[in-house]
């Protein structure tokens, strides 16, 4: 497929109007979407301004009001609030048969040992674990921590355990 001067001019015109590469390929005919993208790149045509995110900005003010009404806390802020809290209820050791929907299902010990049990504290809504064990189980996204030895307890969790 060769680019004629007529096709190049049509490409520039349609690109400037904000048409997608697929639309341009259909209108010109006989070329692929990738050919349109490649030619636009070689012609140094400006990047598309209107993207899905940009087009959704038209409704930004309306959605901002809805967000203020619904106030959703992000995952990271939920974890921060758990770390700040210092009131952990005492452990309530339970065997597997004694667990219910509202019990923390964090295993304590090794299943082969006689002293093995589950935490048994009240679990948080939509989670299987209590506040303390939720900190172990779920790490905030985007925060890479140094690898910790299995026997080593992170300092802030150690303080939580002592205060519990």
N, C-alpha and C. Protein backbone atom coordinates (compact mmCIF):
# COMPACT_ATOMS: atom_id res chain seq x y z
N UNK A 1 0.84 -1.16 0.00
CA UNK A 1 0.00 0.00 0.00
C UNK A 1 0.89 1.23 0.00
N UNK A 2 0.60 2.15 -0.89
CA UNK A 2 1.40 3.38 -0.93
C UNK A 2 0.55 4.58 -0.54
N UNK A 3 1.18 5.50 0.10
CA UNK A 3 0.49 6.72 0.53
C UNK A 3 0.58 7.75 -0.59
N UNK A 4 -0.55 8.08 -1.16
CA UNK A 4 -0.58 9.14 -2.18
C UNK A 4 -0.73 10.48 -1.47
N UNK A 5 -0.48 11.54 -2.19
CA UNK A 5 -0.60 12.89 -1.62
C UNK A 5 -2.04 13.14 -1.16
N UNK A 6 -3.00 12.61 -1.91
CA UNK A 6 -4.41 12.78 -1.55
C UNK A 6 -4.74 12.08 -0.23
N UNK A 7 -4.22 10.85 -0.07
CA UNK A 7 -4.46 10.10 1.17
C UNK A 7 -3.79 10.77 2.37
N UNK A 8 -2.58 11.32 2.16
CA UNK A 8 -1.86 11.99 3.23
C UNK A 8 -2.63 13.23 3.68
N UNK A 9 -3.14 14.01 2.71
CA UNK A 9 -3.91 15.21 3.05
C UNK A 9 -5.18 14.84 3.80
N UNK A 10 -5.85 13.77 3.36
CA UNK A 10 -7.07 13.31 4.03
C UNK A 10 -6.74 12.86 5.47
N UNK A 11 -5.61 12.16 5.62
CA UNK A 11 -5.17 11.72 6.94
C UNK A 11 -4.96 12.91 7.86
N UNK A 12 -4.25 13.94 7.37
CA UNK A 12 -3.99 15.13 8.18
C UNK A 12 -5.30 15.81 8.59
N UNK A 13 -6.23 15.91 7.64
CA UNK A 13 -7.51 16.57 7.91
C UNK A 13 -8.30 15.81 8.97
N UNK A 14 -8.42 14.49 8.77
CA UNK A 14 -9.21 13.68 9.71
C UNK A 14 -8.53 13.59 11.07
N UNK A 15 -7.20 13.52 11.08
CA UNK A 15 -6.45 13.46 12.33
C UNK A 15 -6.68 14.73 13.12
N UNK A 16 -6.65 15.86 12.43
CA UNK A 16 -6.86 17.15 13.08
C UNK A 16 -8.25 17.29 13.67
N UNK A 17 -9.24 16.64 13.05
CA UNK A 17 -10.61 16.70 13.55
C UNK A 17 -10.82 15.80 14.77
N UNK A 18 -9.83 14.95 15.07
CA UNK A 18 -9.92 14.10 16.25
C UNK A 18 -10.48 12.71 15.99
N UNK A 19 -10.54 12.31 14.73
CA UNK A 19 -11.01 10.95 14.43
C UNK A 19 -9.99 9.93 14.90
N UNK A 20 -10.47 8.74 15.22
CA UNK A 20 -9.56 7.67 15.64
C UNK A 20 -8.86 7.09 14.43
N UNK A 21 -7.77 6.37 14.67
CA UNK A 21 -7.03 5.75 13.58
C UNK A 21 -7.90 4.74 12.84
N UNK A 22 -8.76 4.02 13.56
CA UNK A 22 -9.66 3.06 12.92
C UNK A 22 -10.66 3.76 12.01
N UNK A 23 -11.20 4.89 12.47
CA UNK A 23 -12.15 5.65 11.65
C UNK A 23 -11.47 6.18 10.40
N UNK A 24 -10.27 6.70 10.55
CA UNK A 24 -9.52 7.23 9.41
C UNK A 24 -9.24 6.14 8.39
N UNK A 25 -8.84 4.96 8.88
CA UNK A 25 -8.56 3.83 7.97
C UNK A 25 -9.81 3.45 7.19
N UNK A 26 -10.97 3.46 7.85
CA UNK A 26 -12.23 3.13 7.17
C UNK A 26 -12.57 4.17 6.12
N UNK A 27 -12.41 5.45 6.46
CA UNK A 27 -12.78 6.52 5.54
C UNK A 27 -11.87 6.53 4.32
N UNK A 28 -10.58 6.44 4.53
CA UNK A 28 -9.64 6.45 3.41
C UNK A 28 -9.78 5.18 2.60
N UNK A 29 -9.89 4.04 3.29
CA UNK A 29 -10.07 2.75 2.62
C UNK A 29 -8.77 2.17 2.10
N UNK A 30 -8.67 0.85 2.18
CA UNK A 30 -7.50 0.16 1.65
C UNK A 30 -6.28 0.23 2.55
N UNK A 31 -6.41 0.73 3.76
CA UNK A 31 -5.29 0.79 4.69
C UNK A 31 -5.76 0.32 6.06
N UNK A 32 -4.79 -0.04 6.90
CA UNK A 32 -5.12 -0.53 8.23
C UNK A 32 -4.96 0.58 9.27
N UNK A 33 -5.49 0.32 10.41
CA UNK A 33 -5.37 1.24 11.55
C UNK A 33 -3.90 1.47 11.88
N UNK A 34 -3.12 0.39 11.88
CA UNK A 34 -1.69 0.51 12.20
C UNK A 34 -0.94 1.34 11.16
N UNK A 35 -1.36 1.25 9.90
CA UNK A 35 -0.73 2.05 8.85
C UNK A 35 -1.00 3.53 9.10
N UNK A 36 -2.22 3.84 9.53
CA UNK A 36 -2.58 5.22 9.84
C UNK A 36 -1.73 5.74 11.00
N UNK A 37 -1.62 4.93 12.05
CA UNK A 37 -0.83 5.34 13.22
C UNK A 37 0.63 5.55 12.83
N UNK A 38 1.18 4.64 12.05
CA UNK A 38 2.58 4.75 11.63
C UNK A 38 2.83 5.99 10.79
N UNK A 39 1.91 6.26 9.84
CA UNK A 39 2.08 7.43 8.98
C UNK A 39 1.94 8.72 9.79
N UNK A 40 0.98 8.75 10.72
CA UNK A 40 0.81 9.93 11.56
C UNK A 40 2.07 10.17 12.39
N UNK A 41 2.67 9.11 12.86
CA UNK A 41 3.90 9.23 13.64
C UNK A 41 5.03 9.78 12.77
N UNK A 42 5.15 9.25 11.55
CA UNK A 42 6.21 9.71 10.65
C UNK A 42 6.01 11.16 10.22
N UNK A 43 4.75 11.59 10.16
CA UNK A 43 4.45 12.97 9.80
C UNK A 43 4.54 13.91 11.00
N UNK A 44 4.85 13.35 12.15
CA UNK A 44 4.93 14.12 13.40
C UNK A 44 3.64 14.86 13.71
N UNK A 45 2.51 14.22 13.42
CA UNK A 45 1.24 14.82 13.77
C UNK A 45 1.10 14.79 15.28
N UNK A 46 0.46 15.81 15.83
CA UNK A 46 0.34 15.91 17.28
C UNK A 46 -0.43 14.72 17.83
N UNK A 47 -0.10 14.37 19.05
CA UNK A 47 -0.80 13.25 19.71
C UNK A 47 -2.26 13.60 19.86
N UNK A 48 -3.06 12.60 19.90
CA UNK A 48 -4.50 12.80 20.06
C UNK A 48 -4.76 13.53 21.37
N UNK A 49 -5.54 14.57 21.30
CA UNK A 49 -5.87 15.32 22.51
C UNK A 49 -7.08 14.72 23.19
N UNK A 50 -8.04 14.31 22.41
CA UNK A 50 -9.28 13.80 22.98
C UNK A 50 -9.15 12.30 23.25
N UNK A 51 -8.99 11.95 24.50
CA UNK A 51 -8.92 10.55 24.90
C UNK A 51 -10.15 10.22 25.70
N UNK A 52 -10.28 8.99 26.07
CA UNK A 52 -11.43 8.60 26.88
C UNK A 52 -11.47 9.37 28.19
N UNK A 53 -10.31 9.52 28.80
CA UNK A 53 -10.25 10.25 30.07
C UNK A 53 -10.60 11.71 29.87
N UNK A 54 -10.09 12.30 28.79
CA UNK A 54 -10.36 13.71 28.54
C UNK A 54 -11.83 13.93 28.21
N UNK A 55 -12.42 13.01 27.47
CA UNK A 55 -13.83 13.19 27.13
C UNK A 55 -14.72 12.99 28.35
N UNK A 56 -14.25 12.23 29.33
CA UNK A 56 -15.05 12.04 30.53
C UNK A 56 -14.95 13.23 31.47
N UNK A 57 -14.01 14.14 31.21
CA UNK A 57 -13.88 15.33 32.04
C UNK A 57 -15.08 16.25 31.89
N UNK A 58 -15.86 16.09 30.82
CA UNK A 58 -17.05 16.91 30.65
C UNK A 58 -18.01 16.69 31.81
N UNK A 59 -18.05 15.45 32.30
CA UNK A 59 -18.95 15.12 33.40
C UNK A 59 -18.25 15.22 34.75
N UNK A 60 -17.08 15.83 34.78
CA UNK A 60 -16.27 15.85 35.99
C UNK A 60 -16.99 16.54 37.15
N UNK A 61 -17.57 17.71 36.88
CA UNK A 61 -18.22 18.45 37.96
C UNK A 61 -19.37 17.67 38.56
N UNK A 62 -20.16 17.02 37.71
CA UNK A 62 -21.29 16.23 38.20
C UNK A 62 -20.80 15.05 39.03
N UNK A 63 -19.76 14.39 38.55
CA UNK A 63 -19.26 13.23 39.29
C UNK A 63 -18.55 13.65 40.58
N UNK A 64 -17.95 14.84 40.60
CA UNK A 64 -17.29 15.33 41.82
C UNK A 64 -18.32 15.52 42.92
N UNK A 65 -19.49 16.03 42.56
CA UNK A 65 -20.54 16.20 43.55
C UNK A 65 -20.99 14.85 44.08
N UNK A 66 -21.13 13.87 43.21
CA UNK A 66 -21.54 12.53 43.64
C UNK A 66 -20.50 11.92 44.57
N UNK A 67 -19.22 12.13 44.26
CA UNK A 67 -18.17 11.58 45.10
C UNK A 67 -18.19 12.22 46.47
N UNK A 68 -18.43 13.52 46.53
CA UNK A 68 -18.49 14.18 47.83
C UNK A 68 -19.64 13.63 48.66
N UNK A 69 -20.74 13.29 48.00
CA UNK A 69 -21.90 12.76 48.72
C UNK A 69 -21.63 11.36 49.25
N UNK A 70 -20.90 10.57 48.49
CA UNK A 70 -20.69 9.16 48.86
C UNK A 70 -19.44 8.94 49.70
N UNK A 71 -18.51 9.88 49.75
CA UNK A 71 -17.26 9.81 50.50
C UNK A 71 -16.75 8.37 50.64
N UNK A 72 -15.99 7.96 49.66
CA UNK A 72 -15.40 6.63 49.70
C UNK A 72 -13.96 6.76 50.15
N UNK A 73 -13.59 5.99 51.14
CA UNK A 73 -12.21 6.00 51.59
C UNK A 73 -11.42 5.02 50.75
N UNK A 74 -10.22 5.42 50.37
CA UNK A 74 -9.36 4.55 49.60
C UNK A 74 -8.77 3.45 50.45
N UNK A 75 -8.24 2.43 49.80
CA UNK A 75 -7.67 1.29 50.49
C UNK A 75 -6.55 1.70 51.44
N UNK A 76 -5.70 2.61 50.98
CA UNK A 76 -4.57 3.03 51.80
C UNK A 76 -5.04 3.73 53.07
N UNK A 77 -6.03 4.60 52.96
CA UNK A 77 -6.51 5.31 54.14
C UNK A 77 -7.17 4.36 55.13
N UNK A 78 -7.80 3.30 54.63
CA UNK A 78 -8.40 2.32 55.53
C UNK A 78 -7.32 1.65 56.38
N UNK A 79 -6.20 1.31 55.76
CA UNK A 79 -5.11 0.68 56.50
C UNK A 79 -4.48 1.65 57.48
N UNK A 80 -4.32 2.91 57.08
CA UNK A 80 -3.74 3.89 57.99
C UNK A 80 -4.60 4.03 59.23
N UNK A 81 -5.91 4.02 59.05
CA UNK A 81 -6.79 4.16 60.21
C UNK A 81 -6.67 2.94 61.13
N UNK A 82 -6.43 1.76 60.57
CA UNK A 82 -6.25 0.57 61.39
C UNK A 82 -4.95 0.65 62.20
N UNK A 83 -3.90 1.17 61.57
CA UNK A 83 -2.61 1.25 62.26
C UNK A 83 -2.67 2.25 63.40
N UNK A 84 -3.41 3.32 63.21
CA UNK A 84 -3.52 4.36 64.23
C UNK A 84 -4.29 3.85 65.46
N UNK A 85 -5.29 3.02 65.22
CA UNK A 85 -6.10 2.52 66.33
C UNK A 85 -5.25 1.68 67.28
N UNK A 86 -5.58 1.76 68.55
CA UNK A 86 -4.82 1.00 69.53
C UNK A 86 -5.69 0.04 70.33
N UNK A 87 -6.96 0.00 70.02
CA UNK A 87 -7.86 -0.84 70.81
C UNK A 87 -8.17 -2.15 70.10
N UNK A 88 -7.40 -3.16 70.42
CA UNK A 88 -7.65 -4.50 69.89
C UNK A 88 -8.30 -5.33 70.99
N UNK A 89 -9.37 -5.99 70.65
CA UNK A 89 -10.00 -6.85 71.65
C UNK A 89 -9.09 -8.03 71.94
N UNK A 90 -9.24 -8.66 73.09
CA UNK A 90 -8.38 -9.80 73.42
C UNK A 90 -8.66 -10.98 72.50
N UNK A 91 -7.63 -11.78 72.31
CA UNK A 91 -7.75 -12.96 71.47
C UNK A 91 -8.76 -13.93 72.08
N UNK A 92 -9.53 -14.58 71.24
CA UNK A 92 -10.55 -15.53 71.69
C UNK A 92 -10.29 -16.86 70.98
N UNK A 93 -9.34 -17.67 71.47
CA UNK A 93 -8.95 -18.89 70.76
C UNK A 93 -10.14 -19.80 70.44
N UNK A 94 -10.21 -20.22 69.17
CA UNK A 94 -11.30 -21.09 68.73
C UNK A 94 -10.73 -22.21 67.87
N UNK A 95 -11.39 -23.34 67.93
CA UNK A 95 -11.06 -24.46 67.05
C UNK A 95 -11.84 -24.28 65.74
N UNK A 96 -11.49 -25.02 64.74
CA UNK A 96 -12.10 -24.90 63.42
C UNK A 96 -13.63 -25.03 63.49
N UNK A 97 -14.11 -25.97 64.28
CA UNK A 97 -15.54 -26.22 64.37
C UNK A 97 -16.29 -25.06 65.03
N UNK A 98 -15.60 -24.27 65.82
CA UNK A 98 -16.23 -23.18 66.56
C UNK A 98 -16.30 -21.87 65.77
N UNK A 99 -15.61 -21.79 64.64
CA UNK A 99 -15.58 -20.55 63.87
C UNK A 99 -16.94 -20.25 63.25
N UNK A 100 -17.29 -18.97 63.18
CA UNK A 100 -18.50 -18.55 62.48
C UNK A 100 -18.14 -17.38 61.55
N UNK A 101 -19.13 -16.77 60.93
CA UNK A 101 -18.88 -15.70 59.96
C UNK A 101 -18.17 -14.50 60.56
N UNK A 102 -18.39 -14.26 61.84
CA UNK A 102 -17.85 -13.06 62.47
C UNK A 102 -16.55 -13.31 63.23
N UNK A 103 -15.98 -14.49 63.11
CA UNK A 103 -14.74 -14.81 63.81
C UNK A 103 -13.54 -14.59 62.91
N UNK A 104 -12.45 -14.10 63.53
CA UNK A 104 -11.19 -13.97 62.80
C UNK A 104 -10.65 -15.38 62.53
N UNK A 105 -10.32 -15.64 61.30
CA UNK A 105 -9.88 -16.98 60.90
C UNK A 105 -8.37 -17.06 60.73
N UNK A 106 -7.64 -16.20 61.44
CA UNK A 106 -6.17 -16.21 61.36
C UNK A 106 -5.65 -17.40 62.16
N UNK A 107 -4.89 -18.30 61.51
CA UNK A 107 -4.37 -19.48 62.23
C UNK A 107 -3.20 -19.09 63.13
N UNK A 108 -3.18 -19.66 64.32
CA UNK A 108 -2.09 -19.44 65.27
C UNK A 108 -1.41 -20.78 65.51
N UNK A 109 -0.13 -20.85 65.19
CA UNK A 109 0.61 -22.09 65.35
C UNK A 109 0.58 -22.92 64.07
N UNK A 110 0.97 -24.17 64.20
CA UNK A 110 1.01 -25.09 63.06
C UNK A 110 -0.12 -26.11 63.20
N UNK A 111 -0.80 -26.43 62.11
CA UNK A 111 -1.93 -27.37 62.19
C UNK A 111 -1.60 -28.73 62.78
N UNK A 112 -0.34 -29.14 62.72
CA UNK A 112 0.05 -30.44 63.27
C UNK A 112 0.20 -30.41 64.79
N UNK A 113 0.28 -29.22 65.38
CA UNK A 113 0.48 -29.11 66.83
C UNK A 113 -0.85 -29.19 67.57
N UNK A 114 -0.81 -29.68 68.78
CA UNK A 114 -2.02 -29.76 69.61
C UNK A 114 -2.50 -28.38 70.04
N UNK A 115 -1.58 -27.43 70.14
CA UNK A 115 -1.93 -26.09 70.60
C UNK A 115 -2.44 -25.18 69.47
N UNK A 116 -2.67 -25.73 68.29
CA UNK A 116 -3.12 -24.95 67.13
C UNK A 116 -4.55 -24.45 67.35
N UNK A 117 -4.79 -23.17 67.01
CA UNK A 117 -6.13 -22.58 67.11
C UNK A 117 -6.25 -21.40 66.15
N UNK A 118 -7.42 -20.80 66.09
CA UNK A 118 -7.65 -19.61 65.28
C UNK A 118 -7.87 -18.43 66.22
N UNK A 119 -7.55 -17.25 65.77
CA UNK A 119 -7.60 -16.04 66.59
C UNK A 119 -8.96 -15.88 67.28
N UNK A 120 -10.05 -15.86 66.54
CA UNK A 120 -11.37 -15.80 67.14
C UNK A 120 -11.89 -14.43 67.50
N UNK A 121 -11.07 -13.35 67.33
CA UNK A 121 -11.59 -12.00 67.57
C UNK A 121 -12.71 -11.71 66.57
N UNK A 122 -13.41 -10.62 66.75
CA UNK A 122 -14.44 -10.22 65.80
C UNK A 122 -13.78 -9.77 64.50
N UNK A 123 -14.21 -10.33 63.38
CA UNK A 123 -13.63 -9.94 62.10
C UNK A 123 -14.31 -8.68 61.59
N UNK A 124 -13.60 -7.97 60.74
CA UNK A 124 -14.17 -6.76 60.15
C UNK A 124 -15.14 -7.13 59.04
N UNK A 125 -16.07 -6.26 58.76
CA UNK A 125 -17.05 -6.50 57.71
C UNK A 125 -16.33 -6.73 56.38
N UNK A 126 -16.76 -7.72 55.63
CA UNK A 126 -16.22 -8.07 54.31
C UNK A 126 -14.80 -8.66 54.37
N UNK A 127 -14.29 -8.97 55.55
CA UNK A 127 -12.97 -9.58 55.67
C UNK A 127 -13.07 -10.81 56.57
N UNK A 128 -12.08 -11.69 56.46
CA UNK A 128 -12.04 -12.89 57.28
C UNK A 128 -11.22 -12.71 58.54
N UNK A 129 -10.59 -11.53 58.67
CA UNK A 129 -9.66 -11.32 59.77
C UNK A 129 -10.05 -10.13 60.64
N UNK A 130 -9.51 -10.12 61.87
CA UNK A 130 -9.69 -8.99 62.78
C UNK A 130 -8.78 -7.84 62.32
N UNK A 131 -8.85 -6.71 63.03
CA UNK A 131 -8.06 -5.54 62.67
C UNK A 131 -6.56 -5.86 62.65
N UNK A 132 -6.10 -6.53 63.68
CA UNK A 132 -4.68 -6.82 63.80
C UNK A 132 -4.18 -7.72 62.67
N UNK A 133 -4.89 -8.81 62.42
CA UNK A 133 -4.43 -9.75 61.40
C UNK A 133 -4.67 -9.25 59.98
N UNK A 134 -5.56 -8.28 59.84
CA UNK A 134 -5.75 -7.65 58.54
C UNK A 134 -4.48 -6.91 58.13
N UNK A 135 -3.78 -6.37 59.11
CA UNK A 135 -2.51 -5.69 58.83
C UNK A 135 -1.47 -6.66 58.29
N UNK A 136 -1.49 -7.89 58.79
CA UNK A 136 -0.56 -8.91 58.28
C UNK A 136 -0.97 -9.37 56.88
N UNK A 137 -2.27 -9.59 56.70
CA UNK A 137 -2.75 -10.24 55.48
C UNK A 137 -2.74 -9.33 54.27
N UNK A 138 -3.09 -8.08 54.43
CA UNK A 138 -3.22 -7.18 53.29
C UNK A 138 -2.25 -6.02 53.41
N UNK A 139 -1.35 -5.93 52.46
CA UNK A 139 -0.40 -4.83 52.43
C UNK A 139 -0.94 -3.76 51.49
N UNK A 140 -0.80 -2.48 51.82
CA UNK A 140 -1.28 -1.42 50.94
C UNK A 140 -0.62 -1.49 49.57
N UNK A 141 -1.39 -1.20 48.53
CA UNK A 141 -0.84 -1.22 47.17
C UNK A 141 0.17 -0.11 47.00
N UNK A 142 1.16 -0.37 46.14
CA UNK A 142 2.13 0.65 45.80
C UNK A 142 3.24 0.84 46.81
N UNK A 143 3.16 0.18 47.95
CA UNK A 143 4.20 0.35 48.96
C UNK A 143 5.03 -0.92 49.01
N UNK A 144 6.22 -0.84 48.49
CA UNK A 144 7.11 -2.00 48.53
C UNK A 144 7.91 -1.94 49.82
N UNK A 145 7.83 -3.00 50.57
CA UNK A 145 8.56 -3.06 51.83
C UNK A 145 9.71 -4.04 51.70
N UNK A 146 10.70 -3.83 52.52
CA UNK A 146 11.82 -4.77 52.54
C UNK A 146 11.31 -6.12 52.99
N UNK A 147 11.94 -7.15 52.47
CA UNK A 147 11.56 -8.50 52.87
C UNK A 147 11.86 -8.69 54.34
N UNK A 148 10.91 -9.24 55.05
CA UNK A 148 11.05 -9.45 56.48
C UNK A 148 11.17 -10.95 56.73
N UNK A 149 12.10 -11.32 57.60
CA UNK A 149 12.23 -12.74 57.95
C UNK A 149 10.93 -13.21 58.56
N UNK A 150 10.60 -14.49 58.37
CA UNK A 150 9.33 -15.02 58.88
C UNK A 150 9.23 -14.90 60.40
N UNK A 151 10.33 -15.02 61.09
CA UNK A 151 10.31 -14.96 62.56
C UNK A 151 10.28 -13.53 63.07
N UNK A 152 10.65 -12.57 62.22
CA UNK A 152 10.72 -11.19 62.64
C UNK A 152 9.37 -10.51 62.46
N UNK A 153 8.89 -9.84 63.49
CA UNK A 153 7.61 -9.13 63.44
C UNK A 153 7.91 -7.66 63.20
N UNK A 154 7.23 -7.03 62.21
CA UNK A 154 7.47 -5.60 62.00
C UNK A 154 7.22 -4.81 63.28
N UNK A 155 7.97 -3.73 63.47
CA UNK A 155 7.96 -2.98 64.72
C UNK A 155 6.57 -2.46 65.08
N UNK A 156 5.87 -1.88 64.10
CA UNK A 156 4.56 -1.29 64.43
C UNK A 156 3.54 -2.36 64.80
N UNK A 157 3.65 -3.55 64.24
CA UNK A 157 2.72 -4.63 64.58
C UNK A 157 3.10 -5.21 65.95
N UNK A 158 4.39 -5.27 66.23
CA UNK A 158 4.84 -5.72 67.55
C UNK A 158 4.28 -4.84 68.65
N UNK A 159 4.26 -3.53 68.40
CA UNK A 159 3.69 -2.61 69.39
C UNK A 159 2.21 -2.84 69.56
N UNK A 160 1.52 -3.13 68.45
CA UNK A 160 0.08 -3.39 68.51
C UNK A 160 -0.20 -4.63 69.33
N UNK A 161 0.60 -5.66 69.14
CA UNK A 161 0.39 -6.91 69.87
C UNK A 161 0.58 -6.68 71.36
N UNK A 162 1.64 -5.93 71.71
CA UNK A 162 1.90 -5.67 73.12
C UNK A 162 0.77 -4.86 73.77
N UNK A 163 0.20 -3.93 73.00
CA UNK A 163 -0.86 -3.10 73.57
C UNK A 163 -2.21 -3.81 73.57
N UNK A 164 -2.32 -4.94 72.88
CA UNK A 164 -3.61 -5.64 72.80
C UNK A 164 -3.93 -6.43 74.02
